[in-house]
């Protein structure tokens, strides 16, 4: 990718209801800006460069926008730490 993407890093999480009645989590890392369509479809969007929560809506949970970036990042870093560390480099 070109140099215009060097300063853009996003963690995007989408939730979908599966046949068991629980939610599946699809995690995507993107160097492209998050548009309004992707933002609307996503449950969680983190800006990894500016360290801010752009959206945080977890289905079936009381967790909503307003949660600190560090808390959300730590949660995903436990599961996807190596992948996140390589992506942010």
C-alpha atoms as a PDB file:
ATOM      1  CA  UNK A   1       0.000   0.000   0.000  1.00  0.00           C
ATOM      2  CA  UNK A   2       1.051   3.549  -0.556  1.00  0.00           C
ATOM      3  CA  UNK A   3       2.470   5.881   2.038  1.00  0.00           C
ATOM      4  CA  UNK A   4      -0.902   7.553   2.600  1.00  0.00           C
ATOM      5  CA  UNK A   5      -1.916   4.471   4.634  1.00  0.00           C
ATOM      6  CA  UNK A   6       1.162   4.503   6.896  1.00  0.00           C
ATOM      7  CA  UNK A   7      -0.621   6.434   9.645  1.00  0.00           C
ATOM      8  CA  UNK A   8      -3.981   4.627   9.465  1.00  0.00           C
ATOM      9  CA  UNK A   9      -4.624   1.469  11.460  1.00  0.00           C
ATOM     10  CA  UNK A  10      -8.071   0.256  12.509  1.00  0.00           C
ATOM     11  CA  UNK A  11      -9.370  -2.754  14.423  1.00  0.00           C
ATOM     12  CA  UNK A  12     -12.899  -3.559  13.247  1.00  0.00           C
ATOM     13  CA  UNK A  13     -15.086  -6.152  14.964  1.00  0.00           C
ATOM     14  CA  UNK A  14     -18.404  -7.360  13.576  1.00  0.00           C
ATOM     15  CA  UNK A  15     -20.855  -9.548  15.466  1.00  0.00           C
ATOM     16  CA  UNK A  16     -23.297 -11.970  13.892  1.00  0.00           C
ATOM     17  CA  UNK A  17     -25.862 -14.235  15.517  1.00  0.00           C
ATOM     18  CA  UNK A  18     -25.185 -17.914  14.817  1.00  0.00           C
ATOM     19  CA  UNK A  19     -27.559 -20.900  14.802  1.00  0.00           C
ATOM     20  CA  UNK A  20     -26.807 -21.698  18.467  1.00  0.00           C
ATOM     21  CA  UNK A  21     -28.131 -18.305  19.521  1.00  0.00           C
ATOM     22  CA  UNK A  22     -24.718 -16.939  20.442  1.00  0.00           C
ATOM     23  CA  UNK A  23     -22.647 -14.330  18.664  1.00  0.00           C
ATOM     24  CA  UNK A  24     -19.693 -14.944  16.380  1.00  0.00           C
ATOM     25  CA  UNK A  25     -16.962 -12.341  16.306  1.00  0.00           C
ATOM     26  CA  UNK A  26     -15.249 -11.394  13.038  1.00  0.00           C
ATOM     27  CA  UNK A  27     -12.099  -9.323  13.544  1.00  0.00           C
ATOM     28  CA  UNK A  28     -10.613  -7.270  10.724  1.00  0.00           C
ATOM     29  CA  UNK A  29      -7.504  -5.119  10.651  1.00  0.00           C
ATOM     30  CA  UNK A  30      -7.538  -2.327   8.079  1.00  0.00           C
ATOM     31  CA  UNK A  31      -5.148   0.323   6.852  1.00  0.00           C
ATOM     32  CA  UNK A  32      -7.924   2.090   4.966  1.00  0.00           C
ATOM     33  CA  UNK A  33     -10.206   4.701   6.481  1.00  0.00           C
ATOM     34  CA  UNK A  34     -13.447   3.394   7.923  1.00  0.00           C
ATOM     35  CA  UNK A  35     -16.399   4.691   5.945  1.00  0.00           C
ATOM     36  CA  UNK A  36     -19.895   5.288   7.236  1.00  0.00           C
ATOM     37  CA  UNK A  37     -21.173   1.955   5.840  1.00  0.00           C
ATOM     38  CA  UNK A  38     -18.516  -0.134   7.551  1.00  0.00           C
ATOM     39  CA  UNK A  39     -18.916   1.893  10.732  1.00  0.00           C
ATOM     40  CA  UNK A  40     -22.666   1.212  10.745  1.00  0.00           C
ATOM     41  CA  UNK A  41     -22.191  -2.554  10.231  1.00  0.00           C
ATOM     42  CA  UNK A  42     -19.485  -2.915  12.886  1.00  0.00           C
ATOM     43  CA  UNK A  43     -19.854  -3.422  16.598  1.00  0.00           C
ATOM     44  CA  UNK A  44     -16.422  -2.137  17.593  1.00  0.00           C
ATOM     45  CA  UNK A  45     -14.042   0.143  15.734  1.00  0.00           C
ATOM     46  CA  UNK A  46     -10.725   1.214  17.261  1.00  0.00           C
ATOM     47  CA  UNK A  47      -8.297   3.721  15.787  1.00  0.00           C
ATOM     48  CA  UNK A  48      -4.990   2.080  16.739  1.00  0.00           C
ATOM     49  CA  UNK A  49      -2.831   5.080  15.782  1.00  0.00           C
ATOM     50  CA  UNK A  50      -4.750   7.831  17.598  1.00  0.00           C
ATOM     51  CA  UNK A  51      -5.778   5.397  20.359  1.00  0.00           C
ATOM     52  CA  UNK A  52      -9.471   6.160  20.365  1.00  0.00           C
ATOM     53  CA  UNK A  53     -12.738   4.247  20.286  1.00  0.00           C
ATOM     54  CA  UNK A  54     -14.751   5.206  17.224  1.00  0.00           C
ATOM     55  CA  UNK A  55     -17.601   2.821  18.041  1.00  0.00           C
ATOM     56  CA  UNK A  56     -18.312   0.290  20.780  1.00  0.00           C
ATOM     57  CA  UNK A  57     -21.627  -1.570  20.714  1.00  0.00           C
ATOM     58  CA  UNK A  58     -21.503  -5.196  21.844  1.00  0.00           C
ATOM     59  CA  UNK A  59     -24.766  -7.138  21.302  1.00  0.00           C
ATOM     60  CA  UNK A  60     -26.249  -8.624  24.454  1.00  0.00           C
ATOM     61  CA  UNK A  61     -24.010  -6.539  26.690  1.00  0.00           C
ATOM     62  CA  UNK A  62     -24.179  -3.302  28.634  1.00  0.00           C
ATOM     63  CA  UNK A  63     -20.884  -2.220  27.058  1.00  0.00           C
ATOM     64  CA  UNK A  64     -21.527   0.808  24.892  1.00  0.00           C
ATOM     65  CA  UNK A  65     -19.737   3.918  23.652  1.00  0.00           C
ATOM     66  CA  UNK A  66     -17.814   5.776  26.335  1.00  0.00           C
ATOM     67  CA  UNK A  67     -15.617   2.876  27.468  1.00  0.00           C
ATOM     68  CA  UNK A  68     -11.911   3.827  27.623  1.00  0.00           C
ATOM     69  CA  UNK A  69      -9.725   2.836  24.662  1.00  0.00           C
ATOM     70  CA  UNK A  70      -7.246   1.028  26.925  1.00  0.00           C
ATOM     71  CA  UNK A  71      -9.920  -1.343  28.266  1.00  0.00           C
ATOM     72  CA  UNK A  72     -11.165  -2.343  24.805  1.00  0.00           C
ATOM     73  CA  UNK A  73      -7.636  -2.664  23.405  1.00  0.00           C
ATOM     74  CA  UNK A  74      -6.474  -4.844  26.318  1.00  0.00           C
ATOM     75  CA  UNK A  75      -9.455  -7.160  25.834  1.00  0.00           C
ATOM     76  CA  UNK A  76      -8.610  -7.781  22.177  1.00  0.00           C
ATOM     77  CA  UNK A  77      -4.864  -7.829  22.812  1.00  0.00           C
ATOM     78  CA  UNK A  78      -5.326 -10.896  25.062  1.00  0.00           C
ATOM     79  CA  UNK A  79      -6.753 -12.881  22.149  1.00  0.00           C
ATOM     80  CA  UNK A  80      -5.037 -11.273  19.166  1.00  0.00           C
ATOM     81  CA  UNK A  81      -1.860  -9.808  20.693  1.00  0.00           C
ATOM     82  CA  UNK A  82       0.707 -11.091  18.183  1.00  0.00           C
ATOM     83  CA  UNK A  83      -1.442 -10.103  15.227  1.00  0.00           C
ATOM     84  CA  UNK A  84      -2.078  -6.595  16.625  1.00  0.00           C
ATOM     85  CA  UNK A  85       1.593  -6.032  17.479  1.00  0.00           C
ATOM     86  CA  UNK A  86       2.707  -6.944  13.960  1.00  0.00           C
ATOM     87  CA  UNK A  87      -0.010  -4.832  12.367  1.00  0.00           C
ATOM     88  CA  UNK A  88       0.775  -1.666  14.315  1.00  0.00           C
ATOM     89  CA  UNK A  89       4.545  -1.821  13.584  1.00  0.00           C
END
